[in-house]
Amino acid sequence: MNGDNKQGVSGLAIHEVREYVNSQQVFTKKQFFKVEEYIFHNLVGTYAITRILGNYGTAKGIAYFIEGKGHSSPHSRILYREELDVEYYGNTNRVKAFKEYLYSLEQNKIVKYFVNENNNGLFYQLHFISNTPFQDKLQAKGTHQCNLDIYQANYTFLNKNSFELSYKVLGPNKNYTIKTSFTRIS
């Protein structure tokens, strides 16, 4: 058994993705199934989430990835909605919070958009990092600049039922990390 077939502690089956990609020809002969497509379609579901908000607090809640087509877009789309109970350090009151984003599969690339913002604009495009036979997980990165602040997203896909998303936030008055763990519940 080579390193590609190791599942490791996390249970990630990179070899399953590779075997599927290598064995499937979806759509036409010129369009092959890509890792990005596999990850995109596998996101659909409901997840328990836990979040560490840098040195500011923690949050727990639920995230929904709901598949659908955009009315004016031929691209596959997934609406993301999270509902959280946030607890800030030093404050005993919990705050309810929610946020929505739109994930889109465009030309075999996963793109994340803001929803219900002023312009429903682009957040970032995910760039998958090449994996080696020694890696036991898939990683993807995206970057967004908002005025003088930079948000560096790092996705780590541990297995088909769990992944982590961390944001490194840097700016003139910002320097913190937000880390969220997603575990599928349905």
Protein backbone atom coordinates (compact mmCIF):
# COMPACT_ATOMS: atom_id res chain seq x y z
CA MET A 1 0.00 0.00 0.00
CA ASN A 2 1.52 3.35 -0.98
CA GLY A 3 1.20 6.74 0.73
CA ASP A 4 -1.77 7.70 -1.49
CA ASN A 5 -3.96 5.15 0.23
CA LYS A 6 -3.22 6.26 3.79
CA GLN A 7 -6.24 7.65 5.52
CA GLY A 8 -4.40 8.90 8.58
CA VAL A 9 -5.97 9.89 11.86
CA SER A 10 -8.47 12.24 10.25
CA GLY A 11 -9.89 9.49 8.03
CA LEU A 12 -9.42 11.56 4.89
CA ALA A 13 -9.45 9.45 1.80
CA ILE A 14 -7.48 11.43 -0.76
CA HIS A 15 -7.09 8.17 -2.64
CA GLU A 16 -10.90 7.98 -2.93
CA VAL A 17 -10.99 11.39 -4.62
CA ARG A 18 -8.09 10.47 -6.89
CA GLU A 19 -9.62 7.09 -7.79
CA TYR A 20 -12.95 8.74 -8.58
CA VAL A 21 -11.33 11.48 -10.63
CA ASN A 22 -9.26 8.93 -12.53
CA SER A 23 -12.17 6.58 -13.16
CA GLN A 24 -14.90 9.05 -14.15
CA GLN A 25 -15.49 11.04 -17.27
CA VAL A 26 -18.43 13.26 -16.48
CA PHE A 27 -20.16 15.43 -19.12
CA THR A 28 -18.18 15.15 -22.39
CA LYS A 29 -14.83 13.64 -23.27
CA LYS A 30 -13.25 17.09 -23.05
CA GLN A 31 -14.69 17.84 -19.60
CA PHE A 32 -13.25 15.61 -16.93
CA PHE A 33 -14.42 15.55 -13.33
CA LYS A 34 -12.12 17.77 -11.25
CA VAL A 35 -11.22 17.74 -7.56
CA GLU A 36 -12.83 21.18 -7.31
CA GLU A 37 -16.13 19.77 -8.58
CA TYR A 38 -15.97 16.86 -6.15
CA ILE A 39 -15.34 19.18 -3.19
CA PHE A 40 -17.99 21.68 -4.34
CA HIS A 41 -20.78 19.10 -4.65
CA ASN A 42 -19.73 17.35 -1.44
CA LEU A 43 -20.25 20.59 0.54
CA VAL A 44 -24.04 20.27 0.31
CA GLY A 45 -25.46 19.36 3.71
CA THR A 46 -25.87 20.51 7.29
CA TYR A 47 -22.89 20.93 9.62
CA ALA A 48 -22.28 21.55 13.30
CA ILE A 49 -19.73 24.33 13.55
CA THR A 50 -17.43 25.60 16.26
CA ARG A 51 -15.48 28.80 15.85
CA ILE A 52 -12.63 30.47 17.70
CA LEU A 53 -12.69 34.23 17.14
CA GLY A 54 -9.04 35.03 17.79
CA ASN A 55 -8.67 36.43 21.30
CA TYR A 56 -12.24 37.75 21.24
CA GLY A 57 -14.45 34.74 21.88
CA THR A 58 -16.03 31.55 20.58
CA ALA A 59 -19.13 30.55 18.66
CA LYS A 60 -21.14 27.38 18.11
CA GLY A 61 -23.98 26.72 15.76
CA ILE A 62 -25.19 25.24 12.51
CA ALA A 63 -24.20 25.81 8.90
CA TYR A 64 -26.31 24.91 5.88
CA PHE A 65 -24.97 24.41 2.37
CA ILE A 66 -28.06 24.41 0.15
CA GLU A 67 -27.68 23.51 -3.52
CA GLY A 68 -29.51 25.47 -6.18
CA LYS A 69 -29.17 27.24 -9.51
CA GLY A 70 -28.95 30.99 -9.81
CA HIS A 71 -31.82 32.58 -11.69
CA SER A 72 -29.50 34.45 -14.02
CA SER A 73 -26.52 32.11 -13.92
CA PRO A 74 -25.75 28.81 -15.62
CA HIS A 75 -23.24 27.98 -12.86
CA SER A 76 -23.86 25.52 -10.06
CA ARG A 77 -24.47 27.44 -6.86
CA ILE A 78 -24.65 26.68 -3.17
CA LEU A 79 -26.16 29.06 -0.63
CA TYR A 80 -24.26 29.01 2.66
CA ARG A 81 -26.02 30.15 5.82
CA GLU A 82 -24.69 29.96 9.36
CA GLU A 83 -26.63 30.50 12.58
CA LEU A 84 -24.44 30.99 15.64
CA ASP A 85 -24.45 31.62 19.36
CA VAL A 86 -21.45 33.87 19.99
CA GLU A 87 -19.81 34.25 23.39
CA TYR A 88 -17.25 37.02 23.76
CA TYR A 89 -14.58 36.59 26.41
CA GLY A 90 -15.33 38.66 29.50
CA ASN A 91 -19.04 38.88 28.67
CA THR A 92 -21.57 36.35 29.97
CA ASN A 93 -24.23 37.32 27.42
CA ARG A 94 -24.49 35.25 24.27
CA VAL A 95 -25.23 36.95 20.99
CA LYS A 96 -27.15 35.39 18.09
CA ALA A 97 -25.51 35.88 14.71
CA PHE A 98 -26.02 34.71 11.15
CA LYS A 99 -24.22 35.18 7.86
CA GLU A 100 -24.81 34.09 4.27
CA TYR A 101 -22.46 33.54 1.35
CA LEU A 102 -22.86 32.10 -2.11
CA TYR A 103 -20.47 29.46 -3.43
CA SER A 104 -20.39 29.08 -7.20
CA LEU A 105 -18.68 26.54 -9.44
CA GLU A 106 -17.40 28.54 -12.41
CA GLN A 107 -15.18 26.96 -15.06
CA ASN A 108 -14.07 24.25 -12.60
CA LYS A 109 -13.22 26.84 -9.93
CA ILE A 110 -14.96 27.38 -6.60
CA VAL A 111 -15.78 31.06 -6.09
CA LYS A 112 -17.23 32.58 -2.89
CA TYR A 113 -19.46 35.67 -3.00
CA PHE A 114 -20.94 37.95 -0.37
CA VAL A 115 -24.74 37.82 -0.04
CA ASN A 116 -26.91 40.69 1.18
CA GLU A 117 -24.01 43.11 1.11
CA ASN A 118 -24.09 46.35 -0.85
CA ASN A 119 -23.10 44.71 -4.12
CA ASN A 120 -23.18 40.91 -3.58
CA GLY A 121 -19.55 41.05 -4.65
CA LEU A 122 -16.74 38.61 -4.99
CA PHE A 123 -15.15 37.44 -1.74
CA TYR A 124 -12.48 35.17 -3.24
CA GLN A 125 -11.73 32.28 -5.59
CA LEU A 126 -10.34 29.10 -4.08
CA HIS A 127 -6.99 27.86 -5.32
CA PHE A 128 -6.30 24.23 -4.47
CA ILE A 129 -2.80 23.46 -3.33
CA SER A 130 -1.17 20.55 -5.11
CA ASN A 131 -1.08 17.56 -2.85
CA THR A 132 1.74 15.09 -2.62
CA PRO A 133 1.63 11.38 -1.82
CA PHE A 134 2.57 12.27 1.76
CA GLN A 135 -0.35 14.61 2.41
CA ASP A 136 -3.47 13.22 4.00
CA LYS A 137 -5.77 16.16 3.30
CA LEU A 138 -6.73 18.62 0.58
CA GLN A 139 -6.10 22.32 1.07
CA ALA A 140 -7.34 25.40 -0.74
CA LYS A 141 -6.65 29.10 -0.25
CA GLY A 142 -8.32 32.37 -1.13
CA THR A 143 -7.53 36.02 -0.45
CA HIS A 144 -9.75 39.08 -0.13
CA GLN A 145 -8.72 42.68 0.34
CA CYS A 146 -11.17 45.05 2.02
CA ASN A 147 -9.75 48.57 2.08
CA LEU A 148 -6.48 48.19 4.02
CA ASP A 149 -7.40 44.81 5.52
CA ILE A 150 -6.47 41.45 4.02
CA TYR A 151 -8.40 38.24 4.71
CA GLN A 152 -6.44 35.08 3.94
CA ALA A 153 -8.72 32.03 3.83
CA ASN A 154 -7.32 28.53 4.28
CA TYR A 155 -9.59 25.50 3.81
CA THR A 156 -8.43 22.08 5.01
CA PHE A 157 -10.67 19.23 3.84
CA LEU A 158 -10.08 16.48 6.39
CA ASN A 159 -12.52 13.95 4.94
CA LYS A 160 -15.86 14.00 3.15
CA ASN A 161 -17.69 14.88 6.38
CA SER A 162 -15.47 17.50 7.96
CA PHE A 163 -13.30 20.44 7.08
CA GLU A 164 -11.74 23.48 8.69
CA LEU A 165 -11.72 27.09 7.52
CA SER A 166 -9.37 29.63 9.01
CA TYR A 167 -9.04 33.31 8.22
CA LYS A 168 -5.89 35.24 8.98
CA VAL A 169 -6.97 38.88 9.17
CA LEU A 170 -4.27 41.51 8.73
CA GLY A 171 -4.52 45.27 8.58
CA PRO A 172 -3.38 48.50 10.19
CA ASN A 173 -5.48 47.75 13.29
CA LYS A 174 -6.10 44.03 12.79
CA ASN A 175 -4.01 40.94 13.39
CA TYR A 176 -5.98 37.87 14.40
CA THR A 177 -7.12 34.44 13.23
CA ILE A 178 -10.65 33.04 13.05
CA LYS A 179 -10.81 29.25 12.95
CA THR A 180 -14.00 27.29 12.20
CA SER A 181 -14.46 23.51 12.29
CA PHE A 182 -17.29 21.96 10.26
CA THR A 183 -18.66 18.47 11.01
CA ARG A 184 -21.47 17.09 8.84
CA ILE A 185 -24.64 16.14 10.72
CA SER A 186 -26.80 15.40 7.66
